Amino acid sequence: MSFTPEPFHAGDNSANEPRPEAVPPAPAPQPATDSEGAFGTLGRRVLLGVAGVAGLAALSRSARAGELSPPAGPISPTGVSLSQLDAKQGNMQATLSLVKQKVAATDQGVAEPRVPISSLPSSLTALYSITQPGAYCLTDNLPQPDDGRACIEVFCSDVDIDCQGFTAGFPYSSNPALPPSSFIRASGQSSIEVYDLCVSNWRGCPIDCDDCDDVYVSDCLFRQCTCPAGLNSDGTVSPGAMIRCRDRCEIDDVCVSLCDGCAVQVRDKSTVCDVRWSDCAGQACVCRDSCCIEELELVECAMAQGGGGGGGLLLARDGVVHRDLAARNCLCPDGLFTAGDNWVCEDACLTHITGDCVRCGDG
């Protein structure tokens, strides 16, 4: 049986209906570019792999093993030994000690403007030499030298020495075989100030500024010191002394105890004020013309007859003013107070004096 297609009729409306549009076929998949898609991912992986290989090679080159043939000889340590560490620690402690001397000991302090005596150079005649005007201070006790040198020698004027309460001599100077010397010595200078000092077991004159003017000594203690009288070139005798200075000087707030040769010796136009001697031997105070002596006290003091250059325990020359003297239990064959002409003495209290109390010249 055969099939015969129906003939087309113009009036058939079904033939005129619109036909659905044909759907275009899906495009064929295109290969991905280098920047995206599967191919781009693969490219990045390849690049990372190459970089990883290169980095591994670089690390391999930098991490090569050491020399397989070490140098000849015994094996030795390459670190720092304990002795080296101890040496470094000792150097550090020494540095800290130096710094400690330059900073205040309190939380609130100021820089120290004075020069430590221990930092000064030595000389043939002294342990420490002051050659520049200025302010200086002690930072420790100082024993008496065993070679006859002074501890401190001043070679210039306008010097301030603050001893800060430290002791000169200390117990180290109790050896009687030590040669006499001075703690502070100066000659031909002026304007020297020494204060806040303790001198113990010293042999010789501790503060010897015999040829210096305008010297000021204050707040000092001398204990168990010995300074024998000395024979001068002209045949006269200079009494042993704890302090020697020349014109226009001032000695203030000084205590002398258990000393032999205990004089405070000054010359013209000087002042000796608030000084106390107890259990001492030898002349106590020696001054010359136009001096002022105030507030002196002598307890249990003695002087041999004709010793110490002659004169009494207190020896002065012309024009001396003496106020407020107290003395008790003193032995003074040549007189307690001996003065020249035109002197004045006010307000004295004397008891148990062996020898003359006052011997004086005219006026």
Protein backbone atom coordinates (compact mmCIF):
# COMPACT_ATOMS: atom_id res chain seq x y z
CA MET A 1 0.00 0.00 0.00
CA SER A 2 1.41 3.30 -1.09
CA PHE A 3 1.17 6.66 0.53
CA THR A 4 -0.02 9.61 -1.47
CA PRO A 5 0.48 13.09 -0.05
CA GLU A 6 -2.50 15.31 0.14
CA PRO A 7 -2.56 18.17 -2.29
CA PHE A 8 -2.04 21.70 -1.09
CA HIS A 9 -5.10 23.92 -0.97
CA ALA A 10 -4.80 27.65 -0.89
CA GLY A 11 -7.66 28.00 1.47
CA ASP A 12 -6.19 25.82 4.14
CA ASN A 13 -5.47 28.11 7.13
CA SER A 14 -3.30 25.65 8.93
CA ALA A 15 -0.71 26.04 6.30
CA ASN A 16 -0.50 29.79 6.97
CA GLU A 17 0.23 29.51 10.69
CA PRO A 18 3.72 30.81 11.69
CA ARG A 19 6.26 28.17 12.30
CA PRO A 20 8.46 28.22 15.36
CA GLU A 21 11.93 29.70 14.82
CA ALA A 22 14.71 27.28 14.59
CA VAL A 23 16.99 27.21 17.69
CA PRO A 24 20.56 27.85 16.63
CA PRO A 25 22.87 25.07 17.52
CA ALA A 26 25.05 25.50 20.66
CA PRO A 27 28.50 26.79 19.83
CA ALA A 28 31.26 24.34 19.95
CA PRO A 29 33.41 24.60 23.14
CA GLN A 30 36.40 26.85 22.64
CA PRO A 31 39.78 26.26 24.25
CA ALA A 32 40.35 28.38 27.43
CA THR A 33 42.73 31.31 27.26
CA ASP A 34 45.88 31.79 29.43
CA SER A 35 44.12 34.22 31.77
CA GLU A 36 41.13 32.13 32.68
CA GLY A 37 39.63 28.72 32.37
CA ALA A 38 41.22 25.34 32.58
CA PHE A 39 44.22 26.34 30.59
CA GLY A 40 44.93 29.39 32.86
CA THR A 41 44.81 27.21 35.97
CA LEU A 42 47.20 24.79 34.43
CA GLY A 43 49.52 27.67 33.55
CA ARG A 44 49.61 28.93 37.08
CA ARG A 45 50.35 25.47 38.37
CA VAL A 46 53.19 25.14 35.96
CA LEU A 47 54.62 28.52 36.98
CA LEU A 48 54.37 27.66 40.69
CA GLY A 49 56.08 24.39 40.09
CA VAL A 50 58.92 26.07 38.25
CA ALA A 51 59.30 28.66 41.06
CA GLY A 52 59.31 25.90 43.65
CA VAL A 53 62.04 24.04 41.87
CA ALA A 54 64.10 27.20 41.54
CA GLY A 55 63.66 28.07 45.27
CA LEU A 56 64.59 24.54 46.28
CA ALA A 57 67.70 24.78 44.18
CA ALA A 58 68.60 28.12 45.79
CA LEU A 59 68.08 26.72 49.29
CA SER A 60 70.12 23.68 48.41
CA ARG A 61 73.01 25.88 47.30
CA SER A 62 72.84 28.04 50.52
CA ALA A 63 72.57 25.02 52.82
CA ARG A 64 75.61 23.19 51.64
CA ALA A 65 77.43 21.16 54.25
CA GLY A 66 80.59 22.46 55.94
CA GLU A 67 84.09 21.51 55.11
CA LEU A 68 84.60 17.81 55.31
CA SER A 69 88.29 18.27 56.07
CA PRO A 70 88.68 20.32 59.33
CA PRO A 71 92.00 22.04 60.04
CA ALA A 72 94.72 20.03 61.65
CA GLY A 73 95.33 20.20 65.41
CA PRO A 74 93.48 19.37 68.59
CA ILE A 75 89.85 20.25 69.08
CA SER A 76 89.48 23.58 70.97
CA PRO A 77 86.43 25.37 72.35
CA THR A 78 84.91 28.12 70.23
CA GLY A 79 82.74 29.76 72.94
CA VAL A 80 83.58 32.19 75.78
CA SER A 81 85.29 30.62 78.77
CA LEU A 82 84.22 31.18 82.39
CA SER A 83 87.43 33.07 83.14
CA GLN A 84 86.69 35.44 80.26
CA LEU A 85 83.18 35.96 81.60
CA ASP A 86 84.60 36.68 85.07
CA ALA A 87 87.03 39.20 83.57
CA LYS A 88 84.22 40.93 81.69
CA GLN A 89 82.12 41.00 84.84
CA GLY A 90 85.02 42.51 86.79
CA ASN A 91 85.50 45.21 84.16
CA MET A 92 81.79 45.96 84.28
CA GLN A 93 81.85 46.27 88.08
CA ALA A 94 84.83 48.64 87.89
CA THR A 95 82.98 50.78 85.34
CA LEU A 96 79.87 50.84 87.53
CA SER A 97 81.99 51.89 90.50
CA LEU A 98 83.33 54.85 88.54
CA VAL A 99 79.83 55.81 87.46
CA LYS A 100 78.61 55.51 91.06
CA GLN A 101 81.05 58.23 92.11
CA LYS A 102 79.61 60.60 89.52
CA VAL A 103 75.89 60.26 90.17
CA ALA A 104 73.74 61.12 93.15
CA ALA A 105 73.05 58.39 95.69
CA THR A 106 69.41 59.45 95.97
CA ASP A 107 66.53 59.26 93.53
CA GLN A 108 66.64 63.02 93.15
CA GLY A 109 70.11 64.47 92.75
CA VAL A 110 72.23 66.84 90.76
CA ALA A 111 75.46 66.36 88.92
CA GLU A 112 78.52 66.70 91.18
CA PRO A 113 80.36 69.88 90.14
CA ARG A 114 83.40 69.22 92.36
CA VAL A 115 86.46 67.26 91.30
CA PRO A 116 87.14 64.05 93.28
CA ILE A 117 90.55 64.16 94.95
CA SER A 118 91.11 60.52 93.94
CA SER A 119 91.09 61.53 90.26
CA LEU A 120 94.06 63.91 90.60
CA PRO A 121 97.61 63.07 89.49
CA SER A 122 100.40 62.29 91.94
CA SER A 123 103.80 63.97 92.25
CA LEU A 124 107.15 63.37 93.90
CA THR A 125 105.94 65.21 97.01
CA ALA A 126 102.25 64.23 97.26
CA LEU A 127 99.79 61.48 96.46
CA TYR A 128 97.43 64.00 94.84
CA SER A 129 98.29 67.39 93.37
CA ILE A 130 95.89 70.31 92.92
CA THR A 131 97.14 72.55 90.13
CA GLN A 132 93.96 74.38 89.07
CA PRO A 133 91.64 76.68 91.07
CA GLY A 134 88.26 75.16 91.81
CA ALA A 135 86.22 72.96 94.14
CA TYR A 136 87.44 69.51 95.18
CA CYS A 137 86.10 66.78 97.46
CA LEU A 138 87.17 63.58 99.15
CA THR A 139 85.37 60.36 98.21
CA ASP A 140 87.01 57.99 100.73
CA ASN A 141 89.24 57.79 103.81
CA LEU A 142 92.94 58.35 103.15
CA PRO A 143 95.71 56.72 105.20
CA GLN A 144 98.95 58.56 105.91
CA PRO A 145 101.62 57.78 103.28
CA ASP A 146 104.54 55.71 104.53
CA ASP A 147 107.14 57.54 102.39
CA GLY A 148 106.87 61.02 103.94
CA ARG A 149 104.84 62.52 101.10
CA ALA A 150 101.79 64.67 101.73
CA CYS A 151 98.38 63.31 100.84
CA ILE A 152 97.26 66.49 99.05
CA GLU A 153 99.48 69.33 97.90
CA VAL A 154 98.02 72.61 96.64
CA PHE A 155 100.02 74.43 93.94
CA CYS A 156 97.54 77.24 93.23
CA SER A 157 95.27 79.75 94.95
CA ASP A 158 91.46 79.84 95.18
CA VAL A 159 90.88 76.23 96.15
CA ASP A 160 87.94 74.77 98.06
CA ILE A 161 88.40 71.29 99.61
CA ASP A 162 85.30 69.61 101.01
CA CYS A 163 86.42 66.53 102.96
CA GLN A 164 82.79 65.37 103.36
CA GLY A 165 83.40 63.94 106.81
CA PHE A 166 86.01 61.40 105.70
CA THR A 167 89.00 60.57 107.88
CA ALA A 168 92.66 61.28 107.21
CA GLY A 169 95.02 58.82 108.83
CA PHE A 170 92.42 56.35 110.07
CA PRO A 171 93.80 53.42 112.12
CA TYR A 172 96.47 52.70 109.50
CA SER A 173 98.59 55.61 110.76
CA SER A 174 98.99 54.29 114.30
CA ASN A 175 102.47 53.02 113.41
CA PRO A 176 104.92 55.31 115.31
CA ALA A 177 107.64 54.57 112.77
CA LEU A 178 105.84 56.51 110.03
CA PRO A 179 107.78 59.62 108.95
CA PRO A 180 106.00 62.91 109.70
CA SER A 181 104.07 64.41 106.80
CA SER A 182 101.01 66.56 106.09
CA PHE A 183 97.53 65.69 104.97
CA ILE A 184 97.16 69.04 103.14
CA ARG A 185 100.18 71.14 102.34
CA ALA A 186 100.52 74.46 100.50
CA SER A 187 103.13 77.20 100.28
CA GLY A 188 102.93 80.73 98.90
CA GLN A 189 99.24 80.46 97.97
CA SER A 190 96.08 82.21 99.19
CA SER A 191 92.32 81.70 99.45
CA ILE A 192 92.33 78.05 100.49
CA GLU A 193 89.34 76.56 102.31
CA VAL A 194 89.32 73.18 104.10
CA TYR A 195 86.32 71.87 106.02
CA ASP A 196 84.42 68.84 107.32
CA LEU A 197 87.48 66.69 108.10
CA CYS A 198 88.47 64.16 110.74
CA VAL A 199 92.20 63.51 111.33
CA SER A 200 93.12 60.48 113.41
CA ASN A 201 96.50 59.03 114.42
CA TRP A 202 98.44 61.43 112.22
CA ARG A 203 102.16 62.11 112.59
CA GLY A 204 103.23 65.61 111.58
CA CYS A 205 101.20 68.77 110.89
CA PRO A 206 97.95 67.66 109.19
CA ILE A 207 97.04 71.04 107.65
CA ASP A 208 100.26 72.87 106.88
CA CYS A 209 99.69 76.15 105.03
CA ASP A 210 102.36 78.02 106.99
CA ASP A 211 103.22 80.37 104.11
CA CYS A 212 99.63 81.01 102.90
CA ASP A 213 97.27 83.95 103.52
CA ASP A 214 93.46 83.99 103.68
CA VAL A 215 93.10 80.37 104.73
CA TYR A 216 89.78 79.21 106.20
CA VAL A 217 89.60 75.94 108.19
CA SER A 218 86.33 74.87 109.79
CA ASP A 219 84.43 71.88 111.17
CA CYS A 220 87.51 69.72 111.78
CA LEU A 221 88.39 67.13 114.42
CA PHE A 222 91.95 66.12 115.35
CA ARG A 223 92.32 63.02 117.52
CA GLN A 224 95.42 61.20 118.81
CA CYS A 225 97.74 63.12 116.50
CA THR A 226 101.41 63.88 117.16
CA CYS A 227 103.34 66.84 115.80
CA PRO A 228 106.68 67.47 117.52
CA ALA A 229 108.12 70.95 117.84
CA GLY A 230 110.63 71.88 115.14
CA LEU A 231 113.89 73.81 115.27
CA ASN A 232 114.02 76.74 112.84
CA SER A 233 117.11 77.88 110.96
CA ASP A 234 117.41 80.98 113.17
CA GLY A 235 117.55 78.88 116.32
CA THR A 236 113.95 79.47 117.40
CA VAL A 237 111.55 76.64 118.01
CA SER A 238 108.21 76.27 116.21
CA PRO A 239 105.61 74.49 118.29
CA GLY A 240 104.00 71.37 117.03
CA ALA A 241 100.72 72.24 115.33
CA MET A 242 97.57 70.72 113.87
CA ILE A 243 96.96 73.80 111.68
CA ARG A 244 99.46 76.33 110.38
CA CYS A 245 98.66 79.37 108.24
CA ARG A 246 99.65 83.02 107.87
CA ASP A 247 97.79 86.38 107.71
CA ARG A 248 94.03 87.11 107.59
CA CYS A 249 93.10 83.51 108.29
CA GLU A 250 90.14 82.08 110.20
CA ILE A 251 89.97 78.88 112.24
CA ASP A 252 86.42 78.03 113.28
CA ASP A 253 84.63 75.10 114.94
CA VAL A 254 87.64 72.86 115.61
CA CYS A 255 88.11 70.15 118.25
CA VAL A 256 91.55 68.84 119.29
CA SER A 257 91.62 65.74 121.48
CA LEU A 258 94.43 63.58 122.88
CA CYS A 259 97.04 65.31 120.72
CA ASP A 260 100.70 66.11 121.36
CA GLY A 261 101.83 69.35 119.71
CA CYS A 262 98.29 70.65 119.42
CA ALA A 263 98.70 74.28 118.38
CA VAL A 264 96.47 76.25 116.07
CA GLN A 265 99.05 78.64 114.66
CA VAL A 266 98.14 81.85 112.80
CA ARG A 267 99.75 85.25 112.26
CA ASP A 268 98.54 88.83 111.78
CA LYS A 269 94.87 89.89 111.59
CA SER A 270 93.54 86.36 111.99
CA THR A 271 90.58 84.96 113.94
CA VAL A 272 90.43 81.82 116.05
CA CYS A 273 86.88 81.03 117.14
CA ASP A 274 85.06 78.15 118.83
CA VAL A 275 88.03 75.82 119.40
CA ARG A 276 88.23 73.17 122.13
CA TRP A 277 91.28 71.32 123.40
CA SER A 278 91.02 68.34 125.75
CA ASP A 279 93.73 66.03 127.13
CA CYS A 280 96.38 67.67 124.97
CA ALA A 281 100.05 68.46 125.45
CA GLY A 282 101.93 71.50 124.12
CA GLN A 283 100.85 75.04 123.23
CA ALA A 284 97.22 75.30 122.20
CA CYS A 285 96.95 78.58 120.26
CA VAL A 286 99.71 80.80 118.88
CA CYS A 287 98.92 84.08 117.11
CA ARG A 288 100.60 87.38 116.36
CA ASP A 289 99.42 90.99 116.06
CA SER A 290 95.84 92.25 115.79
CA CYS A 291 94.22 88.86 116.17
CA CYS A 292 90.80 88.07 117.60
CA ILE A 293 90.41 85.00 119.82
CA GLU A 294 86.90 83.98 120.88
CA GLU A 295 85.17 81.07 122.60
CA LEU A 296 88.16 78.93 123.51
CA GLU A 297 88.03 76.03 125.96
CA LEU A 298 90.91 74.04 127.44
CA VAL A 299 90.30 70.94 129.57
CA GLU A 300 93.02 68.76 131.12
CA CYS A 301 95.76 70.35 129.00
CA ALA A 302 99.42 70.60 129.97
CA MET A 303 102.65 72.11 128.70
CA ALA A 304 106.17 71.50 129.96
CA GLN A 305 108.04 74.54 131.18
CA GLY A 306 109.92 76.29 128.40
CA GLY A 307 108.62 73.86 125.78
CA GLY A 308 106.97 74.53 122.46
CA GLY A 309 108.76 77.78 121.69
CA GLY A 310 108.15 79.48 125.06
CA GLY A 311 105.09 81.31 126.29
CA GLY A 312 101.86 79.99 127.72
CA LEU A 313 99.21 77.63 126.49
CA LEU A 314 97.71 80.63 124.68
CA LEU A 315 100.42 82.82 123.20
CA ALA A 316 99.70 86.16 121.51
CA ARG A 317 101.51 89.35 120.63
CA ASP A 318 100.32 92.97 120.46
CA GLY A 319 96.79 94.28 119.96
CA VAL A 320 94.98 91.00 120.61
CA VAL A 321 91.33 90.81 121.67
CA HIS A 322 90.35 87.76 123.69
CA ARG A 323 86.75 86.96 124.65
CA ASP A 324 85.02 84.06 126.39
CA LEU A 325 87.85 81.86 127.65
CA ALA A 326 87.22 78.76 129.75
CA ALA A 327 90.02 76.61 131.18
CA ARG A 328 90.13 74.00 133.92
CA ASN A 329 92.60 71.46 135.26
CA CYS A 330 95.46 72.80 133.15
CA LEU A 331 99.20 72.68 133.86
CA CYS A 332 101.02 75.71 132.46
CA PRO A 333 104.27 76.73 134.24
CA ASP A 334 104.86 79.54 131.70
CA GLY A 335 101.32 80.88 132.08
CA LEU A 336 97.93 80.05 130.72
CA PHE A 337 97.58 83.23 128.66
CA THR A 338 100.67 85.17 127.59
CA ALA A 339 100.30 88.33 125.52
CA GLY A 340 102.27 91.37 124.38
CA ASP A 341 101.19 95.02 124.59
CA ASN A 342 97.71 96.54 124.29
CA TRP A 343 95.54 93.49 124.58
CA VAL A 344 92.02 93.02 125.89
CA CYS A 345 90.58 89.99 127.66
CA GLU A 346 86.87 89.69 128.48
CA ASP A 347 84.72 87.06 130.21
CA ALA A 348 87.15 84.38 131.37
CA CYS A 349 86.39 81.46 133.66
CA LEU A 350 89.51 79.74 135.01
CA THR A 351 89.70 76.96 137.60
CA HIS A 352 92.37 74.58 138.87
CA ILE A 353 95.18 76.21 136.92
CA THR A 354 98.75 75.22 137.85
CA GLY A 355 100.98 78.18 136.97
CA ASP A 356 100.26 81.78 136.11
CA CYS A 357 96.87 82.53 134.65
CA VAL A 358 97.84 85.70 132.77
CA ARG A 359 101.21 87.15 131.79
CA CYS A 360 101.26 90.27 129.64
CA GLY A 361 103.27 93.26 128.50
CA ASP A 362 102.43 96.94 128.80
CA GLY A 363 99.03 98.59 128.24
